[in-house]
Amino acid sequence: MASLARMSSVADLRQKRLHDCRLTADRKLDTLDEAEAFLVDRGVLTLTQDSALPSLFAATHEEPYKRGSAGFGSWPKTKWPWGGELALRPGVHALKVDQVWNKPWKANQEQALAELVLIGVRAAVLAHQDEVGKWFSWPVEWALLAELISARRLQRPGPGWLAIP
């Protein structure tokens, strides 16, 4: 029961997510070096904010190139090249995760998917279980999430929510 007392509430995790994922204007990224530090801290970033995963462009809090536009027009007006520039830095890997994937560690496909889920949830701080399955082209079944919860590698701070313990 003591571990449940240490578990953060959804409200606490939402506040941590706002801070850690730089979702408030006072935490905006001003330089490419800050963007790299953000990537190192979160472990994984998306370019655009289309899920709970942290977004490089959202963290800039910069107005879009063309307000109301879709696609590239919605990217930050001056910081749009940062994704490509970060990918050129040592130790940074730009990925398009696909069904064909060479895993960087020895594991079967289910173990590798479990590790990717953990990396994603850690980066997001808090994610709804229904969204986690949409992050990858591989299906993330409830059985895998339940196994990670049972092994205490994931926690459920509230109904439907996932976080790292």
N, C-alpha and C. Protein backbone atom coordinates (compact mmCIF):
# COMPACT_ATOMS: atom_id res chain seq x y z
N MET A 1 0.82 -1.19 0.00
CA MET A 1 0.00 0.00 0.00
C MET A 1 0.86 1.26 0.00
N ALA A 2 2.07 1.15 0.55
CA ALA A 2 2.96 2.33 0.59
C ALA A 2 3.28 2.82 -0.82
N SER A 3 3.42 1.90 -1.81
CA SER A 3 3.73 2.34 -3.17
C SER A 3 2.57 3.14 -3.75
N LEU A 4 1.33 2.83 -3.38
CA LEU A 4 0.20 3.61 -3.86
C LEU A 4 0.23 5.02 -3.30
N ALA A 5 0.69 5.17 -2.07
CA ALA A 5 0.78 6.51 -1.46
C ALA A 5 1.80 7.37 -2.21
N ARG A 6 2.83 6.74 -2.77
CA ARG A 6 3.86 7.49 -3.50
C ARG A 6 3.42 7.82 -4.93
N MET A 7 2.39 7.15 -5.40
CA MET A 7 1.93 7.36 -6.77
C MET A 7 1.40 8.78 -6.92
N SER A 8 1.83 9.45 -7.96
CA SER A 8 1.37 10.81 -8.22
C SER A 8 -0.06 10.79 -8.74
N SER A 9 -0.79 11.83 -8.44
CA SER A 9 -2.15 11.96 -8.96
C SER A 9 -2.08 12.42 -10.42
N VAL A 10 -3.18 12.24 -11.13
CA VAL A 10 -3.26 12.71 -12.52
C VAL A 10 -3.02 14.21 -12.56
N ALA A 11 -3.59 14.94 -11.60
CA ALA A 11 -3.41 16.40 -11.57
C ALA A 11 -1.93 16.76 -11.39
N ASP A 12 -1.24 16.07 -10.49
CA ASP A 12 0.19 16.33 -10.29
C ASP A 12 0.98 16.02 -11.55
N LEU A 13 0.65 14.90 -12.19
CA LEU A 13 1.36 14.51 -13.41
C LEU A 13 1.07 15.47 -14.56
N ARG A 14 -0.14 16.00 -14.63
CA ARG A 14 -0.44 17.00 -15.66
C ARG A 14 0.42 18.24 -15.47
N GLN A 15 0.61 18.67 -14.23
CA GLN A 15 1.47 19.83 -13.95
C GLN A 15 2.92 19.52 -14.32
N LYS A 16 3.38 18.31 -13.97
CA LYS A 16 4.74 17.89 -14.32
C LYS A 16 4.90 17.84 -15.84
N ARG A 17 3.87 17.35 -16.54
CA ARG A 17 3.90 17.29 -18.00
C ARG A 17 4.00 18.69 -18.60
N LEU A 18 3.20 19.64 -18.08
CA LEU A 18 3.28 21.02 -18.58
C LEU A 18 4.70 21.55 -18.47
N HIS A 19 5.34 21.29 -17.34
CA HIS A 19 6.71 21.76 -17.11
C HIS A 19 7.72 21.00 -17.97
N ASP A 20 7.74 19.68 -17.82
CA ASP A 20 8.77 18.87 -18.47
C ASP A 20 8.67 18.88 -20.00
N CYS A 21 7.46 18.97 -20.53
CA CYS A 21 7.28 18.99 -21.99
C CYS A 21 7.25 20.41 -22.55
N ARG A 22 7.55 21.38 -21.68
CA ARG A 22 7.67 22.79 -22.06
C ARG A 22 6.41 23.30 -22.76
N LEU A 23 5.26 23.02 -22.15
CA LEU A 23 3.98 23.38 -22.75
C LEU A 23 3.47 24.74 -22.30
N THR A 24 4.26 25.46 -21.53
CA THR A 24 3.88 26.82 -21.14
C THR A 24 4.89 27.79 -21.73
N ALA A 25 4.42 28.98 -22.09
CA ALA A 25 5.26 29.96 -22.80
C ALA A 25 6.50 30.36 -22.01
N ASP A 26 6.42 30.34 -20.68
CA ASP A 26 7.60 30.71 -19.89
C ASP A 26 8.72 29.67 -19.99
N ARG A 27 8.42 28.48 -20.55
CA ARG A 27 9.43 27.43 -20.71
C ARG A 27 9.81 27.24 -22.18
N LYS A 28 9.50 28.22 -23.03
CA LYS A 28 9.75 28.08 -24.46
C LYS A 28 11.23 27.90 -24.78
N LEU A 29 11.47 27.19 -25.85
CA LEU A 29 12.83 26.99 -26.35
C LEU A 29 13.24 28.21 -27.16
N ASP A 30 14.40 28.77 -26.81
CA ASP A 30 14.90 29.95 -27.52
C ASP A 30 16.07 29.65 -28.45
N THR A 31 16.81 28.57 -28.16
CA THR A 31 17.99 28.27 -28.96
C THR A 31 18.01 26.79 -29.34
N LEU A 32 18.78 26.48 -30.35
CA LEU A 32 18.94 25.09 -30.77
C LEU A 32 19.61 24.27 -29.67
N ASP A 33 20.52 24.88 -28.92
CA ASP A 33 21.15 24.17 -27.80
C ASP A 33 20.12 23.80 -26.74
N GLU A 34 19.18 24.71 -26.48
CA GLU A 34 18.09 24.39 -25.54
C GLU A 34 17.23 23.26 -26.08
N ALA A 35 17.01 23.26 -27.39
CA ALA A 35 16.23 22.19 -28.02
C ALA A 35 16.93 20.85 -27.87
N GLU A 36 18.24 20.84 -28.04
CA GLU A 36 19.00 19.60 -27.87
C GLU A 36 18.92 19.11 -26.42
N ALA A 37 19.03 20.03 -25.47
CA ALA A 37 18.92 19.65 -24.05
C ALA A 37 17.52 19.09 -23.76
N PHE A 38 16.51 19.67 -24.38
CA PHE A 38 15.13 19.18 -24.23
C PHE A 38 15.02 17.76 -24.76
N LEU A 39 15.61 17.50 -25.92
CA LEU A 39 15.61 16.16 -26.49
C LEU A 39 16.32 15.17 -25.57
N VAL A 40 17.47 15.54 -25.06
CA VAL A 40 18.22 14.67 -24.16
C VAL A 40 17.39 14.38 -22.90
N ASP A 41 16.75 15.41 -22.38
CA ASP A 41 15.93 15.24 -21.17
C ASP A 41 14.75 14.32 -21.40
N ARG A 42 14.01 14.49 -22.50
CA ARG A 42 12.80 13.71 -22.74
C ARG A 42 13.11 12.35 -23.37
N GLY A 43 14.20 12.26 -24.13
CA GLY A 43 14.57 10.98 -24.74
C GLY A 43 14.00 10.77 -26.13
N VAL A 44 12.87 11.40 -26.41
CA VAL A 44 12.24 11.30 -27.73
C VAL A 44 11.34 12.51 -27.91
N LEU A 45 11.32 13.03 -29.15
CA LEU A 45 10.46 14.17 -29.49
C LEU A 45 9.80 13.89 -30.83
N THR A 46 8.62 14.46 -31.01
CA THR A 46 8.03 14.52 -32.34
C THR A 46 8.25 15.95 -32.83
N LEU A 47 8.13 16.17 -34.11
CA LEU A 47 8.23 17.55 -34.60
C LEU A 47 6.96 18.31 -34.23
N THR A 48 5.81 17.77 -34.64
CA THR A 48 4.54 18.46 -34.43
C THR A 48 3.78 17.85 -33.27
N GLN A 49 2.91 18.62 -32.68
CA GLN A 49 2.16 18.17 -31.52
C GLN A 49 0.90 17.45 -31.99
N ASP A 50 1.03 16.12 -32.14
CA ASP A 50 -0.12 15.35 -32.59
C ASP A 50 -0.44 14.19 -31.64
N SER A 51 0.20 14.20 -30.48
CA SER A 51 -0.03 13.16 -29.48
C SER A 51 0.51 13.68 -28.15
N ALA A 52 0.49 12.81 -27.14
CA ALA A 52 1.03 13.19 -25.83
C ALA A 52 2.56 13.22 -25.83
N LEU A 53 3.18 12.65 -26.86
CA LEU A 53 4.64 12.70 -26.93
C LEU A 53 5.09 14.16 -27.02
N PRO A 54 6.21 14.50 -26.39
CA PRO A 54 6.66 15.89 -26.43
C PRO A 54 6.99 16.33 -27.86
N SER A 55 6.67 17.58 -28.16
CA SER A 55 6.84 18.11 -29.51
C SER A 55 7.87 19.23 -29.52
N LEU A 56 8.82 19.13 -30.43
CA LEU A 56 9.83 20.16 -30.60
C LEU A 56 9.17 21.49 -30.98
N PHE A 57 8.29 21.47 -31.96
CA PHE A 57 7.69 22.71 -32.44
C PHE A 57 6.77 23.33 -31.40
N ALA A 58 6.00 22.52 -30.66
CA ALA A 58 5.13 23.08 -29.63
C ALA A 58 5.95 23.76 -28.54
N ALA A 59 7.11 23.21 -28.24
CA ALA A 59 7.95 23.77 -27.18
C ALA A 59 8.60 25.10 -27.57
N THR A 60 8.56 25.45 -28.85
CA THR A 60 9.11 26.76 -29.25
C THR A 60 8.12 27.88 -28.96
N HIS A 61 6.84 27.57 -28.91
CA HIS A 61 5.79 28.58 -28.68
C HIS A 61 5.89 29.73 -29.68
N GLU A 62 6.30 29.40 -30.89
CA GLU A 62 6.44 30.41 -31.92
C GLU A 62 5.22 30.37 -32.84
N GLU A 63 4.80 31.54 -33.30
CA GLU A 63 3.65 31.59 -34.20
C GLU A 63 3.96 30.80 -35.47
N PRO A 64 2.91 30.23 -36.08
CA PRO A 64 3.14 29.44 -37.29
C PRO A 64 3.53 30.32 -38.48
N TYR A 65 4.14 29.70 -39.46
CA TYR A 65 4.51 30.41 -40.68
C TYR A 65 3.28 31.04 -41.31
N LYS A 66 2.17 30.29 -41.36
CA LYS A 66 0.93 30.82 -41.94
C LYS A 66 -0.24 30.38 -41.06
N ARG A 67 -0.70 31.27 -40.22
CA ARG A 67 -1.78 30.97 -39.27
C ARG A 67 -2.99 30.38 -39.99
N GLY A 68 -3.54 29.30 -39.42
CA GLY A 68 -4.70 28.65 -39.99
C GLY A 68 -4.39 27.66 -41.09
N SER A 69 -3.13 27.56 -41.44
CA SER A 69 -2.71 26.67 -42.52
C SER A 69 -2.46 25.26 -41.97
N ALA A 70 -2.60 24.29 -42.83
CA ALA A 70 -2.25 22.92 -42.47
C ALA A 70 -0.84 22.62 -43.00
N GLY A 71 -0.32 21.47 -42.62
CA GLY A 71 0.98 21.03 -43.12
C GLY A 71 2.12 21.94 -42.73
N PHE A 72 3.04 22.17 -43.66
CA PHE A 72 4.23 22.97 -43.36
C PHE A 72 3.89 24.39 -42.92
N GLY A 73 2.79 24.93 -43.38
CA GLY A 73 2.39 26.28 -42.99
C GLY A 73 2.12 26.42 -41.50
N SER A 74 1.84 25.29 -40.84
CA SER A 74 1.58 25.31 -39.40
C SER A 74 2.87 25.23 -38.57
N TRP A 75 3.98 24.99 -39.25
CA TRP A 75 5.26 24.88 -38.54
C TRP A 75 5.70 26.26 -38.05
N PRO A 76 6.60 26.32 -37.05
CA PRO A 76 7.05 27.61 -36.52
C PRO A 76 7.66 28.49 -37.61
N LYS A 77 7.38 29.77 -37.51
CA LYS A 77 7.76 30.74 -38.54
C LYS A 77 9.27 30.75 -38.81
N THR A 78 10.09 30.76 -37.76
CA THR A 78 11.55 30.83 -37.96
C THR A 78 12.29 29.59 -37.48
N LYS A 79 11.68 28.80 -36.63
CA LYS A 79 12.39 27.65 -36.03
C LYS A 79 12.07 26.33 -36.72
N TRP A 80 11.41 26.38 -37.87
CA TRP A 80 11.05 25.16 -38.57
C TRP A 80 12.25 24.29 -38.96
N PRO A 81 13.45 24.86 -39.19
CA PRO A 81 14.58 23.98 -39.56
C PRO A 81 15.18 23.20 -38.39
N TRP A 82 14.75 23.49 -37.18
CA TRP A 82 15.39 22.88 -36.01
C TRP A 82 15.37 21.35 -36.02
N GLY A 83 14.31 20.74 -36.52
CA GLY A 83 14.27 19.28 -36.56
C GLY A 83 15.43 18.71 -37.35
N GLY A 84 15.64 19.24 -38.54
CA GLY A 84 16.76 18.78 -39.37
C GLY A 84 18.11 19.13 -38.78
N GLU A 85 18.20 20.31 -38.17
CA GLU A 85 19.46 20.73 -37.56
C GLU A 85 19.81 19.88 -36.35
N LEU A 86 18.79 19.51 -35.56
CA LEU A 86 19.04 18.62 -34.42
C LEU A 86 19.54 17.26 -34.90
N ALA A 87 18.94 16.76 -35.98
CA ALA A 87 19.30 15.44 -36.50
C ALA A 87 20.76 15.37 -36.94
N LEU A 88 21.39 16.52 -37.21
CA LEU A 88 22.80 16.55 -37.62
C LEU A 88 23.75 16.54 -36.43
N ARG A 89 23.22 16.72 -35.23
CA ARG A 89 24.07 16.77 -34.04
C ARG A 89 24.49 15.36 -33.63
N PRO A 90 25.72 15.23 -33.07
CA PRO A 90 26.19 13.91 -32.64
C PRO A 90 25.26 13.30 -31.59
N GLY A 91 24.99 12.01 -31.76
CA GLY A 91 24.17 11.29 -30.79
C GLY A 91 22.67 11.46 -30.98
N VAL A 92 22.25 12.25 -31.97
CA VAL A 92 20.82 12.44 -32.24
C VAL A 92 20.46 11.59 -33.45
N HIS A 93 19.36 10.88 -33.34
CA HIS A 93 18.91 10.01 -34.42
C HIS A 93 17.51 10.41 -34.84
N ALA A 94 17.35 10.84 -36.07
CA ALA A 94 16.02 11.12 -36.61
C ALA A 94 15.45 9.80 -37.09
N LEU A 95 14.30 9.46 -36.61
CA LEU A 95 13.71 8.16 -36.92
C LEU A 95 12.37 8.29 -37.59
N LYS A 96 12.12 7.37 -38.47
CA LYS A 96 10.78 7.10 -38.96
C LYS A 96 10.59 5.63 -38.63
N VAL A 97 9.95 5.37 -37.50
CA VAL A 97 9.78 3.98 -37.06
C VAL A 97 8.76 3.31 -37.96
N ASP A 98 9.12 2.16 -38.43
CA ASP A 98 8.33 1.44 -39.41
C ASP A 98 8.29 -0.03 -39.00
N GLN A 99 7.51 -0.82 -39.71
CA GLN A 99 7.44 -2.26 -39.41
C GLN A 99 8.80 -2.94 -39.62
N VAL A 100 9.60 -2.42 -40.52
CA VAL A 100 10.94 -2.96 -40.72
C VAL A 100 11.87 -2.14 -39.84
N TRP A 101 12.42 -2.78 -38.86
CA TRP A 101 13.19 -2.05 -37.86
C TRP A 101 14.28 -2.95 -37.31
N ASN A 102 15.49 -2.46 -37.28
CA ASN A 102 16.61 -3.16 -36.69
C ASN A 102 16.73 -2.70 -35.25
N LYS A 103 16.41 -3.55 -34.32
CA LYS A 103 16.42 -3.16 -32.91
C LYS A 103 17.86 -2.97 -32.42
N PRO A 104 18.13 -1.91 -31.63
CA PRO A 104 19.48 -1.67 -31.16
C PRO A 104 19.86 -2.54 -29.95
N TRP A 105 18.96 -3.41 -29.51
CA TRP A 105 19.27 -4.31 -28.41
C TRP A 105 18.70 -5.68 -28.73
N LYS A 106 19.22 -6.70 -28.07
CA LYS A 106 18.73 -8.06 -28.31
C LYS A 106 17.42 -8.24 -27.57
N ALA A 107 16.36 -8.42 -28.34
CA ALA A 107 15.04 -8.61 -27.76
C ALA A 107 14.12 -9.13 -28.85
N ASN A 108 13.08 -9.82 -28.40
CA ASN A 108 12.08 -10.20 -29.39
C ASN A 108 11.21 -8.98 -29.67
N GLN A 109 10.31 -9.10 -30.63
CA GLN A 109 9.52 -7.93 -31.05
C GLN A 109 8.67 -7.40 -29.90
N GLU A 110 8.08 -8.29 -29.08
CA GLU A 110 7.23 -7.82 -27.98
C GLU A 110 8.05 -7.08 -26.92
N GLN A 111 9.25 -7.59 -26.61
CA GLN A 111 10.12 -6.90 -25.65
C GLN A 111 10.54 -5.54 -26.18
N ALA A 112 10.87 -5.48 -27.45
CA ALA A 112 11.28 -4.21 -28.05
C ALA A 112 10.13 -3.21 -28.04
N LEU A 113 8.92 -3.68 -28.36
CA LEU A 113 7.76 -2.79 -28.33
C LEU A 113 7.49 -2.30 -26.91
N ALA A 114 7.66 -3.18 -25.92
CA ALA A 114 7.48 -2.78 -24.53
C ALA A 114 8.46 -1.66 -24.17
N GLU A 115 9.70 -1.78 -24.60
CA GLU A 115 10.69 -0.74 -24.32
C GLU A 115 10.32 0.58 -25.00
N LEU A 116 9.83 0.51 -26.24
CA LEU A 116 9.40 1.72 -26.93
C LEU A 116 8.23 2.39 -26.20
N VAL A 117 7.29 1.59 -25.71
CA VAL A 117 6.16 2.13 -24.95
C VAL A 117 6.67 2.85 -23.71
N LEU A 118 7.60 2.23 -23.00
CA LEU A 118 8.15 2.85 -21.79
C LEU A 118 8.89 4.15 -22.11
N ILE A 119 9.66 4.16 -23.19
CA ILE A 119 10.36 5.38 -23.60
C ILE A 119 9.35 6.48 -23.91
N GLY A 120 8.29 6.13 -24.63
CA GLY A 120 7.26 7.11 -24.97
C GLY A 120 6.53 7.64 -23.77
N VAL A 121 6.11 6.77 -22.86
CA VAL A 121 5.38 7.22 -21.67
C VAL A 121 6.27 8.08 -20.79
N ARG A 122 7.54 7.70 -20.66
CA ARG A 122 8.47 8.53 -19.87
C ARG A 122 8.59 9.92 -20.48
N ALA A 123 8.72 9.97 -21.80
CA ALA A 123 8.85 11.26 -22.48
C ALA A 123 7.60 12.11 -22.32
N ALA A 124 6.43 11.48 -22.40
CA ALA A 124 5.16 12.21 -22.32
C ALA A 124 4.79 12.60 -20.89
N VAL A 125 5.36 11.94 -19.89
CA VAL A 125 5.07 12.10 -18.46
C VAL A 125 3.74 11.45 -18.11
N LEU A 126 2.70 11.72 -18.87
CA LEU A 126 1.35 11.20 -18.63
C LEU A 126 0.70 10.99 -19.98
N ALA A 127 0.12 9.81 -20.19
CA ALA A 127 -0.53 9.52 -21.47
C ALA A 127 -1.76 8.66 -21.23
N HIS A 128 -2.77 8.85 -22.05
CA HIS A 128 -3.96 8.01 -21.96
C HIS A 128 -3.65 6.69 -22.65
N GLN A 129 -4.10 5.60 -22.03
CA GLN A 129 -3.78 4.27 -22.56
C GLN A 129 -4.26 4.07 -23.99
N ASP A 130 -5.36 4.71 -24.38
CA ASP A 130 -5.87 4.56 -25.75
C ASP A 130 -4.95 5.23 -26.77
N GLU A 131 -4.22 6.25 -26.36
CA GLU A 131 -3.34 6.95 -27.28
C GLU A 131 -2.03 6.20 -27.50
N VAL A 132 -1.54 5.52 -26.49
CA VAL A 132 -0.24 4.84 -26.58
C VAL A 132 -0.21 3.88 -27.77
N GLY A 133 -1.31 3.23 -28.03
CA GLY A 133 -1.38 2.29 -29.14
C GLY A 133 -1.29 2.95 -30.50
N LYS A 134 -1.42 4.26 -30.57
CA LYS A 134 -1.38 4.98 -31.85
C LYS A 134 -0.02 5.60 -32.14
N TRP A 135 0.92 5.47 -31.23
CA TRP A 135 2.23 6.07 -31.41
C TRP A 135 3.08 5.34 -32.45
N PHE A 136 2.84 4.07 -32.62
CA PHE A 136 3.69 3.23 -33.46
C PHE A 136 2.86 2.53 -34.52
N SER A 137 3.54 2.06 -35.55
CA SER A 137 2.82 1.32 -36.59
C SER A 137 2.48 -0.09 -36.11
N TRP A 138 3.13 -0.56 -35.06
CA TRP A 138 2.81 -1.86 -34.49
C TRP A 138 1.63 -1.71 -33.54
N PRO A 139 0.76 -2.69 -33.48
CA PRO A 139 -0.33 -2.60 -32.51
C PRO A 139 0.20 -2.81 -31.09
N VAL A 140 -0.24 -1.95 -30.18
CA VAL A 140 0.10 -2.10 -28.76
C VAL A 140 -1.17 -2.63 -28.09
N GLU A 141 -1.15 -3.89 -27.78
CA GLU A 141 -2.33 -4.55 -27.19
C GLU A 141 -2.41 -4.25 -25.70
N TRP A 142 -3.63 -4.30 -25.17
CA TRP A 142 -3.85 -4.09 -23.74
C TRP A 142 -3.03 -5.08 -22.91
N ALA A 143 -2.87 -6.32 -23.41
CA ALA A 143 -2.12 -7.33 -22.66
C ALA A 143 -0.69 -6.87 -22.37
N LEU A 144 -0.07 -6.20 -23.32
CA LEU A 144 1.29 -5.68 -23.11
C LEU A 144 1.30 -4.60 -22.04
N LEU A 145 0.34 -3.67 -22.12
CA LEU A 145 0.27 -2.61 -21.12
C LEU A 145 -0.01 -3.20 -19.74
N ALA A 146 -0.92 -4.17 -19.67
CA ALA A 146 -1.25 -4.82 -18.40
C ALA A 146 -0.02 -5.51 -17.81
N GLU A 147 0.78 -6.12 -18.67
CA GLU A 147 2.01 -6.79 -18.21
C GLU A 147 3.00 -5.76 -17.64
N LEU A 148 3.13 -4.62 -18.30
CA LEU A 148 4.03 -3.57 -17.81
C LEU A 148 3.53 -2.98 -16.49
N ILE A 149 2.22 -2.87 -16.34
CA ILE A 149 1.64 -2.39 -15.08
C ILE A 149 1.88 -3.42 -13.99
N SER A 150 1.63 -4.68 -14.30
CA SER A 150 1.82 -5.75 -13.32
C SER A 150 3.28 -5.84 -12.86
N ALA A 151 4.19 -5.61 -13.79
CA ALA A 151 5.63 -5.65 -13.47
C ALA A 151 6.10 -4.35 -12.83
N ARG A 152 5.18 -3.41 -12.63
CA ARG A 152 5.45 -2.10 -12.02
C ARG A 152 6.44 -1.26 -12.83
N ARG A 153 6.41 -1.47 -14.14
CA ARG A 153 7.20 -0.62 -15.03
C ARG A 153 6.36 0.54 -15.52
N LEU A 154 5.03 0.39 -15.44
CA LEU A 154 4.08 1.46 -15.68
C LEU A 154 3.15 1.54 -14.48
N GLN A 155 2.60 2.72 -14.26
CA GLN A 155 1.59 2.87 -13.20
C GLN A 155 0.33 3.48 -13.81
N ARG A 156 -0.77 3.28 -13.13
CA ARG A 156 -2.05 3.87 -13.53
C ARG A 156 -2.45 4.90 -12.47
N PRO A 157 -2.09 6.16 -12.66
CA PRO A 157 -2.41 7.18 -11.67
C PRO A 157 -3.90 7.52 -11.61
N GLY A 158 -4.64 7.12 -12.62
CA GLY A 158 -6.09 7.34 -12.67
C GLY A 158 -6.66 6.45 -13.75
N PRO A 159 -7.97 6.26 -13.77
CA PRO A 159 -8.57 5.38 -14.78
C PRO A 159 -8.19 5.81 -16.19
N GLY A 160 -7.59 4.86 -16.93
CA GLY A 160 -7.22 5.11 -18.31
C GLY A 160 -5.88 5.79 -18.53
N TRP A 161 -5.25 6.26 -17.47
CA TRP A 161 -4.00 7.02 -17.58
C TRP A 161 -2.79 6.14 -17.27
N LEU A 162 -1.67 6.42 -17.94
CA LEU A 162 -0.41 5.70 -17.72
C LEU A 162 0.72 6.69 -17.44
N ALA A 163 1.63 6.27 -16.58
CA ALA A 163 2.82 7.05 -16.26
C ALA A 163 3.92 6.08 -15.84
N ILE A 164 5.12 6.58 -15.75
CA ILE A 164 6.24 5.79 -15.24
C ILE A 164 6.26 5.93 -13.72
N PRO A 165 6.42 4.83 -13.00
CA PRO A 165 6.45 4.93 -11.52
C PRO A 165 7.60 5.78 -11.01
